[in-house]
Amino acid sequence: MLADLELGAAELSVLLTNDAEIHELNRLHRDKDKPTDVLSFPLDEHESDAGAHGRVLGDVVISLDTAARQARGRKRELLPEVRFLLAHGILHLIGYDHGNPTEKRAMDAMARRLVRAAGEISEVAAKKPKRRTGKPNAPSRPTSRKARKGAVPPRARLSK
């Protein structure tokens, strides 16, 4: 999705949570005393880390409880619903809004475009042959201590 927006070097945090936690976040940050499907917390442009990893966009929080209800109501699987909510959240991070019908149509069309782009990439990745490492599900990383010394540690994930 980020590559499709020409933000391939950008970063964001994604938290998949439940209705109770998103309800609390919605109450604290938006004064809305109810759960919601997705929240976005963009970083202030001045606080953005534009260093070696590119721009840091902010945080997207998705309630899997609400996403599951919406998916059932739309007669689709959970993953496509979550993918759409992620696209919607990313668009909020970069300044899109849906305050009127025209903005909503434009934002929904862009979200569908991002979902299609992510689906195409997923299909290509699924078709690539998997590399054998000798161990089932072994991570692809250098095995010797010396080789690992220069490896970059994985980024910490946002968690509660």
C-alpha atoms as a PDB file:
ATOM      1  CA  MET A   1       0.000   0.000   0.000  1.00  0.00           C
ATOM      2  CA  LEU A   2       2.781   2.410   0.905  1.00  0.00           C
ATOM      3  CA  ALA A   3       4.616   1.671  -2.347  1.00  0.00           C
ATOM      4  CA  ASP A   4       1.433   2.456  -4.289  1.00  0.00           C
ATOM      5  CA  LEU A   5       1.343   5.843  -2.524  1.00  0.00           C
ATOM      6  CA  GLU A   6       5.017   6.374  -3.396  1.00  0.00           C
ATOM      7  CA  LEU A   7       5.846   6.085   0.312  1.00  0.00           C
ATOM      8  CA  GLY A   8       7.795   2.836   0.087  1.00  0.00           C
ATOM      9  CA  ALA A   9      10.401   4.006   2.611  1.00  0.00           C
ATOM     10  CA  ALA A  10       7.803   5.289   5.083  1.00  0.00           C
ATOM     11  CA  GLU A  11       6.971   3.528   8.336  1.00  0.00           C
ATOM     12  CA  LEU A  12       3.884   3.177  10.472  1.00  0.00           C
ATOM     13  CA  SER A  13       2.771   1.164  13.465  1.00  0.00           C
ATOM     14  CA  VAL A  14      -0.282  -1.078  13.316  1.00  0.00           C
ATOM     15  CA  LEU A  15      -2.080  -2.321  16.412  1.00  0.00           C
ATOM     16  CA  LEU A  16      -4.689  -5.055  16.007  1.00  0.00           C
ATOM     17  CA  THR A  17      -6.842  -4.962  19.119  1.00  0.00           C
ATOM     18  CA  ASN A  18     -10.327  -5.574  20.494  1.00  0.00           C
ATOM     19  CA  ASP A  19     -13.437  -3.427  21.026  1.00  0.00           C
ATOM     20  CA  ALA A  20     -12.648  -2.681  24.679  1.00  0.00           C
ATOM     21  CA  GLU A  21      -9.245  -1.190  23.916  1.00  0.00           C
ATOM     22  CA  ILE A  22     -10.321   0.781  20.835  1.00  0.00           C
ATOM     23  CA  HIS A  23     -13.355   2.038  22.790  1.00  0.00           C
ATOM     24  CA  GLU A  24     -11.003   3.478  25.409  1.00  0.00           C
ATOM     25  CA  LEU A  25      -8.758   5.060  22.763  1.00  0.00           C
ATOM     26  CA  ASN A  26     -11.778   6.519  20.970  1.00  0.00           C
ATOM     27  CA  ARG A  27     -13.051   7.971  24.265  1.00  0.00           C
ATOM     28  CA  LEU A  28      -9.679   9.411  25.285  1.00  0.00           C
ATOM     29  CA  HIS A  29      -8.642  10.874  21.924  1.00  0.00           C
ATOM     30  CA  ARG A  30     -11.933  11.664  20.167  1.00  0.00           C
ATOM     31  CA  ASP A  31     -14.433  12.060  23.025  1.00  0.00           C
ATOM     32  CA  LYS A  32     -16.566   9.306  21.464  1.00  0.00           C
ATOM     33  CA  ASP A  33     -17.737   6.810  24.072  1.00  0.00           C
ATOM     34  CA  LYS A  34     -18.048   3.765  21.800  1.00  0.00           C
ATOM     35  CA  PRO A  35     -15.862   1.310  19.928  1.00  0.00           C
ATOM     36  CA  THR A  36     -14.978   1.981  16.306  1.00  0.00           C
ATOM     37  CA  ASP A  37     -13.372  -0.018  13.515  1.00  0.00           C
ATOM     38  CA  VAL A  38     -10.174   1.956  12.908  1.00  0.00           C
ATOM     39  CA  LEU A  39      -8.332   4.894  14.427  1.00  0.00           C
ATOM     40  CA  SER A  40      -5.386   6.782  12.966  1.00  0.00           C
ATOM     41  CA  PHE A  41      -2.878   8.828  14.889  1.00  0.00           C
ATOM     42  CA  PRO A  42      -0.710  10.777  12.454  1.00  0.00           C
ATOM     43  CA  LEU A  43       2.620  12.073  13.666  1.00  0.00           C
ATOM     44  CA  ASP A  44       3.105  15.776  13.520  1.00  0.00           C
ATOM     45  CA  GLU A  45       5.147  16.621  10.417  1.00  0.00           C
ATOM     46  CA  HIS A  46       7.760  18.326  12.610  1.00  0.00           C
ATOM     47  CA  GLU A  47       8.166  15.230  14.789  1.00  0.00           C
ATOM     48  CA  SER A  48       8.508  12.871  11.824  1.00  0.00           C
ATOM     49  CA  ASP A  49      11.709  10.831  11.695  1.00  0.00           C
ATOM     50  CA  ALA A  50      12.875  11.352   8.128  1.00  0.00           C
ATOM     51  CA  GLY A  51      16.219   9.638   8.704  1.00  0.00           C
ATOM     52  CA  ALA A  52      17.544   6.448   7.167  1.00  0.00           C
ATOM     53  CA  HIS A  53      14.185   4.653   7.328  1.00  0.00           C
ATOM     54  CA  GLY A  54      12.171   7.414   5.645  1.00  0.00           C
ATOM     55  CA  ARG A  55       9.127   9.218   6.944  1.00  0.00           C
ATOM     56  CA  VAL A  56       7.276   7.902   9.999  1.00  0.00           C
ATOM     57  CA  LEU A  57       3.555   8.325   9.300  1.00  0.00           C
ATOM     58  CA  GLY A  58       2.025   7.436  12.674  1.00  0.00           C
ATOM     59  CA  ASP A  59      -0.169   4.692  14.130  1.00  0.00           C
ATOM     60  CA  VAL A  60      -3.197   2.780  12.848  1.00  0.00           C
ATOM     61  CA  VAL A  61      -5.346   0.898  15.381  1.00  0.00           C
ATOM     62  CA  ILE A  62      -7.867  -1.682  14.138  1.00  0.00           C
ATOM     63  CA  SER A  63     -10.485  -3.468  16.232  1.00  0.00           C
ATOM     64  CA  LEU A  64     -10.651  -7.084  15.119  1.00  0.00           C
ATOM     65  CA  ASP A  65     -13.983  -7.439  16.957  1.00  0.00           C
ATOM     66  CA  THR A  66     -15.616  -4.686  14.900  1.00  0.00           C
ATOM     67  CA  ALA A  67     -13.846  -5.803  11.717  1.00  0.00           C
ATOM     68  CA  ALA A  68     -15.257  -9.325  12.175  1.00  0.00           C
ATOM     69  CA  ARG A  69     -18.806  -7.987  12.626  1.00  0.00           C
ATOM     70  CA  GLN A  70     -18.461  -5.769   9.564  1.00  0.00           C
ATOM     71  CA  ALA A  71     -17.015  -8.618   7.508  1.00  0.00           C
ATOM     72  CA  ARG A  72     -19.969 -10.863   8.418  1.00  0.00           C
ATOM     73  CA  GLY A  73     -22.375  -8.049   7.503  1.00  0.00           C
ATOM     74  CA  ARG A  74     -20.643  -7.608   4.141  1.00  0.00           C
ATOM     75  CA  LYS A  75     -20.454 -11.386   3.608  1.00  0.00           C
ATOM     76  CA  ARG A  76     -16.692 -11.450   3.238  1.00  0.00           C
ATOM     77  CA  GLU A  77     -13.711 -12.874   5.061  1.00  0.00           C
ATOM     78  CA  LEU A  78     -11.986 -11.048   7.909  1.00  0.00           C
ATOM     79  CA  LEU A  79      -8.666 -10.469   6.113  1.00  0.00           C
ATOM     80  CA  PRO A  80     -10.153  -8.381   3.261  1.00  0.00           C
ATOM     81  CA  GLU A  81     -12.030  -6.286   5.848  1.00  0.00           C
ATOM     82  CA  VAL A  82      -8.877  -5.691   7.886  1.00  0.00           C
ATOM     83  CA  ARG A  83      -6.952  -4.878   4.700  1.00  0.00           C
ATOM     84  CA  PHE A  84      -9.586  -2.252   3.786  1.00  0.00           C
ATOM     85  CA  LEU A  85      -9.463  -0.766   7.303  1.00  0.00           C
ATOM     86  CA  LEU A  86      -5.670  -0.598   7.121  1.00  0.00           C
ATOM     87  CA  ALA A  87      -5.897   1.242   3.788  1.00  0.00           C
ATOM     88  CA  HIS A  88      -8.482   3.608   5.291  1.00  0.00           C
ATOM     89  CA  GLY A  89      -6.247   4.249   8.298  1.00  0.00           C
ATOM     90  CA  ILE A  90      -3.181   4.889   6.152  1.00  0.00           C
ATOM     91  CA  LEU A  91      -5.126   7.413   4.084  1.00  0.00           C
ATOM     92  CA  HIS A  92      -6.048   9.286   7.267  1.00  0.00           C
ATOM     93  CA  LEU A  93      -2.348   9.330   8.216  1.00  0.00           C
ATOM     94  CA  ILE A  94      -1.479  11.125   4.979  1.00  0.00           C
ATOM     95  CA  GLY A  95      -4.281  13.671   5.205  1.00  0.00           C
ATOM     96  CA  TYR A  96      -7.377  12.152   3.610  1.00  0.00           C
ATOM     97  CA  ASP A  97     -10.726  12.744   5.298  1.00  0.00           C
ATOM     98  CA  HIS A  98     -14.377  11.884   4.684  1.00  0.00           C
ATOM     99  CA  GLY A  99     -16.223  14.850   6.156  1.00  0.00           C
ATOM    100  CA  ASN A 100     -18.609  15.147   3.211  1.00  0.00           C
ATOM    101  CA  PRO A 101     -19.955  12.803   0.510  1.00  0.00           C
ATOM    102  CA  THR A 102     -17.432  13.926  -2.127  1.00  0.00           C
ATOM    103  CA  GLU A 103     -14.473  13.337   0.212  1.00  0.00           C
ATOM    104  CA  LYS A 104     -15.943   9.982   1.283  1.00  0.00           C
ATOM    105  CA  ARG A 105     -16.262   8.785  -2.324  1.00  0.00           C
ATOM    106  CA  ALA A 106     -12.701   9.855  -3.112  1.00  0.00           C
ATOM    107  CA  MET A 107     -11.310   8.260   0.042  1.00  0.00           C
ATOM    108  CA  ASP A 108     -13.209   4.995  -0.482  1.00  0.00           C
ATOM    109  CA  ALA A 109     -12.015   4.813  -4.112  1.00  0.00           C
ATOM    110  CA  MET A 110      -8.418   5.359  -2.996  1.00  0.00           C
ATOM    111  CA  ALA A 111      -8.779   2.736  -0.244  1.00  0.00           C
ATOM    112  CA  ARG A 112     -10.073   0.204  -2.806  1.00  0.00           C
ATOM    113  CA  ARG A 113      -7.074   1.022  -5.028  1.00  0.00           C
ATOM    114  CA  LEU A 114      -4.674   0.385  -2.141  1.00  0.00           C
ATOM    115  CA  VAL A 115      -6.414  -2.900  -1.285  1.00  0.00           C
ATOM    116  CA  ARG A 116      -6.057  -4.031  -4.920  1.00  0.00           C
ATOM    117  CA  ALA A 117      -2.373  -3.044  -4.913  1.00  0.00           C
ATOM    118  CA  ALA A 118      -1.763  -4.992  -1.697  1.00  0.00           C
ATOM    119  CA  GLY A 119      -3.638  -7.996  -3.087  1.00  0.00           C
ATOM    120  CA  GLU A 120      -1.537  -8.022  -6.255  1.00  0.00           C
ATOM    121  CA  ILE A 121       1.674  -7.955  -4.224  1.00  0.00           C
ATOM    122  CA  SER A 122       0.385 -10.743  -1.957  1.00  0.00           C
ATOM    123  CA  GLU A 123      -0.410 -12.915  -4.971  1.00  0.00           C
ATOM    124  CA  VAL A 124       3.078 -12.391  -6.439  1.00  0.00           C
ATOM    125  CA  ALA A 125       4.711 -13.201  -3.082  1.00  0.00           C
ATOM    126  CA  ALA A 126       2.607 -16.346  -2.699  1.00  0.00           C
ATOM    127  CA  LYS A 127       3.742 -17.598  -6.109  1.00  0.00           C
ATOM    128  CA  LYS A 128       7.472 -17.162  -5.393  1.00  0.00           C
ATOM    129  CA  PRO A 129       9.215 -20.425  -4.491  1.00  0.00           C
ATOM    130  CA  LYS A 130      10.164 -20.607  -0.845  1.00  0.00           C
ATOM    131  CA  ARG A 131      13.851 -20.860   0.015  1.00  0.00           C
ATOM    132  CA  ARG A 132      14.828 -24.048   1.860  1.00  0.00           C
ATOM    133  CA  THR A 133      16.932 -23.521   4.975  1.00  0.00           C
ATOM    134  CA  GLY A 134      17.160 -27.070   6.242  1.00  0.00           C
ATOM    135  CA  LYS A 135      14.859 -26.315   9.177  1.00  0.00           C
ATOM    136  CA  PRO A 136      11.089 -25.926   8.811  1.00  0.00           C
ATOM    137  CA  ASN A 137       9.975 -22.304   9.300  1.00  0.00           C
ATOM    138  CA  ALA A 138      13.530 -21.196  10.111  1.00  0.00           C
ATOM    139  CA  PRO A 139      14.102 -17.445   9.813  1.00  0.00           C
ATOM    140  CA  SER A 140      16.336 -16.345   6.967  1.00  0.00           C
ATOM    141  CA  ARG A 141      19.249 -14.751   8.783  1.00  0.00           C
ATOM    142  CA  PRO A 142      22.982 -15.303   9.000  1.00  0.00           C
ATOM    143  CA  THR A 143      23.785 -18.362  11.075  1.00  0.00           C
ATOM    144  CA  SER A 144      27.265 -17.552  12.330  1.00  0.00           C
ATOM    145  CA  ARG A 145      27.806 -15.133  15.193  1.00  0.00           C
ATOM    146  CA  LYS A 146      30.264 -13.132  13.138  1.00  0.00           C
ATOM    147  CA  ALA A 147      27.794 -12.817  10.250  1.00  0.00           C
ATOM    148  CA  ARG A 148      24.985 -11.766  12.623  1.00  0.00           C
ATOM    149  CA  LYS A 149      27.134  -9.065  14.248  1.00  0.00           C
ATOM    150  CA  GLY A 150      26.489  -6.615  11.410  1.00  0.00           C
ATOM    151  CA  ALA A 151      22.818  -7.534  11.012  1.00  0.00           C
ATOM    152  CA  VAL A 152      20.225  -4.893  11.792  1.00  0.00           C
ATOM    153  CA  PRO A 153      17.896  -5.929  14.646  1.00  0.00           C
ATOM    154  CA  PRO A 154      14.176  -6.004  13.868  1.00  0.00           C
ATOM    155  CA  ARG A 155      12.244  -2.850  14.802  1.00  0.00           C
ATOM    156  CA  ALA A 156      10.203  -2.987  17.976  1.00  0.00           C
ATOM    157  CA  ARG A 157       6.483  -3.408  17.426  1.00  0.00           C
ATOM    158  CA  LEU A 158       3.866  -1.186  19.035  1.00  0.00           C
ATOM    159  CA  SER A 159       2.195  -3.161  21.768  1.00  0.00           C
ATOM    160  CA  LYS A 160       0.296  -2.653  24.984  1.00  0.00           C
END
